[in-house]
C-alpha atoms as a PDB file:
ATOM      1  CA  MET A   1     129.665 175.850  85.642  1.00  0.00           C
ATOM      2  CA  ASP A   2     129.603 179.632  84.168  1.00  0.00           C
ATOM      3  CA  MET A   3     133.308 180.734  84.147  1.00  0.00           C
ATOM      4  CA  ASN A   4     132.617 184.168  84.570  1.00  0.00           C
ATOM      5  CA  LYS A   5     130.851 183.270  88.038  1.00  0.00           C
ATOM      6  CA  ILE A   6     133.733 181.203  89.013  1.00  0.00           C
ATOM      7  CA  VAL A   7     136.296 184.162  88.272  1.00  0.00           C
ATOM      8  CA  ALA A   8     134.116 186.217  90.135  1.00  0.00           C
ATOM      9  CA  GLN A   9     133.903 184.076  93.088  1.00  0.00           C
ATOM     10  CA  ARG A  10     137.888 184.169  92.860  1.00  0.00           C
ATOM     11  CA  ILE A  11     138.119 188.053  92.897  1.00  0.00           C
ATOM     12  CA  MET A  12     135.744 188.308  95.746  1.00  0.00           C
ATOM     13  CA  GLU A  13     137.958 185.519  97.822  1.00  0.00           C
ATOM     14  CA  ALA A  14     141.135 187.407  96.798  1.00  0.00           C
ATOM     15  CA  ARG A  15     139.781 190.781  97.809  1.00  0.00           C
ATOM     16  CA  GLU A  16     138.434 189.534 101.219  1.00  0.00           C
ATOM     17  CA  GLN A  17     141.680 188.174 101.881  1.00  0.00           C
ATOM     18  CA  LYS A  18     143.473 191.290 101.311  1.00  0.00           C
ATOM     19  CA  GLY A  19     140.930 193.002 103.701  1.00  0.00           C
ATOM     20  CA  LEU A  20     139.533 195.227 101.095  1.00  0.00           C
ATOM     21  CA  PHE A  21     135.677 196.206 100.637  1.00  0.00           C
ATOM     22  CA  GLN A  22     133.973 196.309  97.414  1.00  0.00           C
ATOM     23  CA  LYS A  23     133.930 200.222  97.591  1.00  0.00           C
ATOM     24  CA  ASP A  24     137.794 200.109  97.566  1.00  0.00           C
ATOM     25  CA  ILE A  25     137.986 198.177  94.374  1.00  0.00           C
ATOM     26  CA  ALA A  26     135.006 199.966  92.686  1.00  0.00           C
ATOM     27  CA  ALA A  27     136.754 203.529  93.486  1.00  0.00           C
ATOM     28  CA  ALA A  28     140.212 202.328  92.076  1.00  0.00           C
ATOM     29  CA  LEU A  29     138.294 200.964  88.948  1.00  0.00           C
ATOM     30  CA  ASP A  30     136.146 204.095  88.686  1.00  0.00           C
ATOM     31  CA  LEU A  31     132.977 202.172  88.860  1.00  0.00           C
ATOM     32  CA  SER A  32     130.008 202.673  91.470  1.00  0.00           C
ATOM     33  CA  THR A  33     129.956 199.957  94.151  1.00  0.00           C
ATOM     34  CA  ASN A  34     126.727 198.531  92.724  1.00  0.00           C
ATOM     35  CA  ALA A  35     128.670 198.150  89.356  1.00  0.00           C
ATOM     36  CA  TYR A  36     131.575 196.309  90.995  1.00  0.00           C
ATOM     37  CA  ASN A  37     128.903 194.092  92.993  1.00  0.00           C
ATOM     38  CA  SER A  38     127.585 193.103  89.661  1.00  0.00           C
ATOM     39  CA  ILE A  39     131.186 191.948  88.711  1.00  0.00           C
ATOM     40  CA  GLU A  40     131.471 190.024  91.792  1.00  0.00           C
ATOM     41  CA  ASN A  41     128.108 188.395  91.751  1.00  0.00           C
ATOM     42  CA  GLY A  42     128.938 187.217  88.215  1.00  0.00           C
ATOM     43  CA  LYS A  43     126.135 189.457  86.608  1.00  0.00           C
ATOM     44  CA  THR A  44     128.611 191.527  84.790  1.00  0.00           C
ATOM     45  CA  ASN A  45     130.782 189.828  81.951  1.00  0.00           C
ATOM     46  CA  LEU A  46     134.263 190.590  82.669  1.00  0.00           C
ATOM     47  CA  THR A  47     136.440 192.157  79.735  1.00  0.00           C
ATOM     48  CA  ILE A  48     140.135 191.422  79.565  1.00  0.00           C
ATOM     49  CA  ASN A  49     140.892 194.993  80.591  1.00  0.00           C
ATOM     50  CA  VAL A  50     138.672 195.113  83.651  1.00  0.00           C
ATOM     51  CA  LEU A  51     140.007 191.531  84.766  1.00  0.00           C
ATOM     52  CA  TYR A  52     143.673 192.804  84.197  1.00  0.00           C
ATOM     53  CA  ARG A  53     143.020 195.860  86.262  1.00  0.00           C
ATOM     54  CA  ILE A  54     141.460 193.911  89.127  1.00  0.00           C
ATOM     55  CA  SER A  55     144.489 191.815  88.986  1.00  0.00           C
ATOM     56  CA  GLU A  56     146.566 194.838  89.411  1.00  0.00           C
ATOM     57  CA  ILE A  57     144.547 196.139  92.038  1.00  0.00           C
ATOM     58  CA  LEU A  58     144.598 192.894  94.086  1.00  0.00           C
ATOM     59  CA  GLN A  59     148.443 192.456  93.195  1.00  0.00           C
ATOM     60  CA  LEU A  60     147.774 189.076  91.917  1.00  0.00           C
ATOM     61  CA  PRO A  61     148.507 187.560  88.184  1.00  0.00           C
ATOM     62  CA  VAL A  62     145.491 187.126  85.858  1.00  0.00           C
ATOM     63  CA  SER A  63     146.527 183.490  85.958  1.00  0.00           C
ATOM     64  CA  LYS A  64     145.946 183.256  89.727  1.00  0.00           C
ATOM     65  CA  LEU A  65     142.371 184.693  89.254  1.00  0.00           C
ATOM     66  CA  LEU A  66     141.633 182.208  86.356  1.00  0.00           C
ATOM     67  CA  ASN A  67     143.237 179.392  88.368  1.00  0.00           C
ATOM     68  CA  ILE A  68     145.616 178.303  85.409  1.00  0.00           C
ATOM     69  CA  ASN A  69     149.213 177.304  85.259  1.00  0.00           C
ATOM     70  CA  GLU A  70     151.616 178.875  82.932  1.00  0.00           C
ATOM     71  CA  GLY A  71     151.973 175.494  81.336  1.00  0.00           C
ATOM     72  CA  ASP A  72     148.413 175.731  80.347  1.00  0.00           C
ATOM     73  CA  THR A  73     148.741 178.675  78.359  1.00  0.00           C
ATOM     74  CA  LEU A  74     149.288 178.969  74.597  1.00  0.00           C
ATOM     75  CA  ASN A  75     149.989 181.846  72.328  1.00  0.00           C
ATOM     76  CA  ASN A  76     148.617 181.453  68.686  1.00  0.00           C
ATOM     77  CA  SER A  77     148.399 184.567  66.707  1.00  0.00           C
ATOM     78  CA  ASN A  78     146.813 186.898  69.345  1.00  0.00           C
ATOM     79  CA  ASN A  79     144.495 184.078  70.617  1.00  0.00           C
ATOM     80  CA  PHE A  80     145.551 183.454  73.963  1.00  0.00           C
ATOM     81  CA  VAL A  81     144.210 180.118  75.174  1.00  0.00           C
ATOM     82  CA  LEU A  82     143.676 180.690  78.781  1.00  0.00           C
ATOM     83  CA  ALA A  83     142.121 177.403  80.027  1.00  0.00           C
ATOM     84  CA  GLN A  84     140.601 174.339  78.732  1.00  0.00           C
ATOM     85  CA  ASN A  85     137.998 172.383  80.397  1.00  0.00           C
ATOM     86  CA  ASN A  86     135.192 169.799  79.581  1.00  0.00           C
ATOM     87  CA  SER A  87     132.739 172.378  78.291  1.00  0.00           C
ATOM     88  CA  GLY A  88     135.327 173.477  75.884  1.00  0.00           C
ATOM     89  CA  THR A  89     138.080 175.945  75.461  1.00  0.00           C
ATOM     90  CA  LEU A  90     138.092 179.569  76.739  1.00  0.00           C
ATOM     91  CA  TYR A  91     139.557 182.256  74.289  1.00  0.00           C
ATOM     92  CA  PHE A  92     140.644 185.831  74.744  1.00  0.00           C
ATOM     93  CA  GLN A  93     141.762 187.913  71.930  1.00  0.00           C
ATOM     94  CA  VAL A  94     144.248 190.194  72.974  1.00  0.00           C
ATOM     95  CA  SER A  95     146.812 192.429  71.483  1.00  0.00           C
ATOM     96  CA  ASN A  96     150.678 191.358  71.613  1.00  0.00           C
ATOM     97  CA  GLU A  97     151.198 194.377  74.221  1.00  0.00           C
ATOM     98  CA  GLN A  98     148.296 193.011  76.457  1.00  0.00           C
ATOM     99  CA  LEU A  99     149.609 189.473  75.994  1.00  0.00           C
ATOM    100  CA  GLU A 100     153.227 190.552  77.028  1.00  0.00           C
ATOM    101  CA  ARG A 101     151.681 192.150  80.132  1.00  0.00           C
ATOM    102  CA  LEU A 102     149.639 189.247  81.015  1.00  0.00           C
ATOM    103  CA  ILE A 103     152.590 186.942  80.672  1.00  0.00           C
ATOM    104  CA  LYS A 104     154.854 189.326  82.948  1.00  0.00           C
ATOM    105  CA  GLY A 105     152.241 189.658  85.557  1.00  0.00           C
ATOM    106  CA  SER A 106     152.005 186.076  85.625  1.00  0.00           C
ATOM    107  CA  LYS A 107     155.707 185.382  86.115  1.00  0.00           C
ATOM    108  CA  LYS A 108     155.748 188.101  89.080  1.00  0.00           C
ATOM    109  CA  GLY A 109     153.183 186.214  90.989  1.00  0.00           C
ATOM    110  CA  LYS A 110     155.021 183.310  91.193  1.00  0.00           C
END
């Protein structure tokens, strides 16, 4: 299955559990409601920056939205391996600062 759609589904579920509307998240991201709707429907590929902002707004670590355990992460020369699955490995290229923010956010959510 498309990982973007899986993450989009988790974002929608987390938003609904918090009692927020799409327009609330869209406004916080400075997007139109239609643009945010495309994110939740898996029609827009998420960037690491948008994913991180959504995690901040929902007050959930990125690892929760990606459904990964901290033990499944690996830092290798700015290639942050987030998850491994049957269809291959998902990589995000992040700066050292972004990596540090992601790890700190993950530890806060425990």
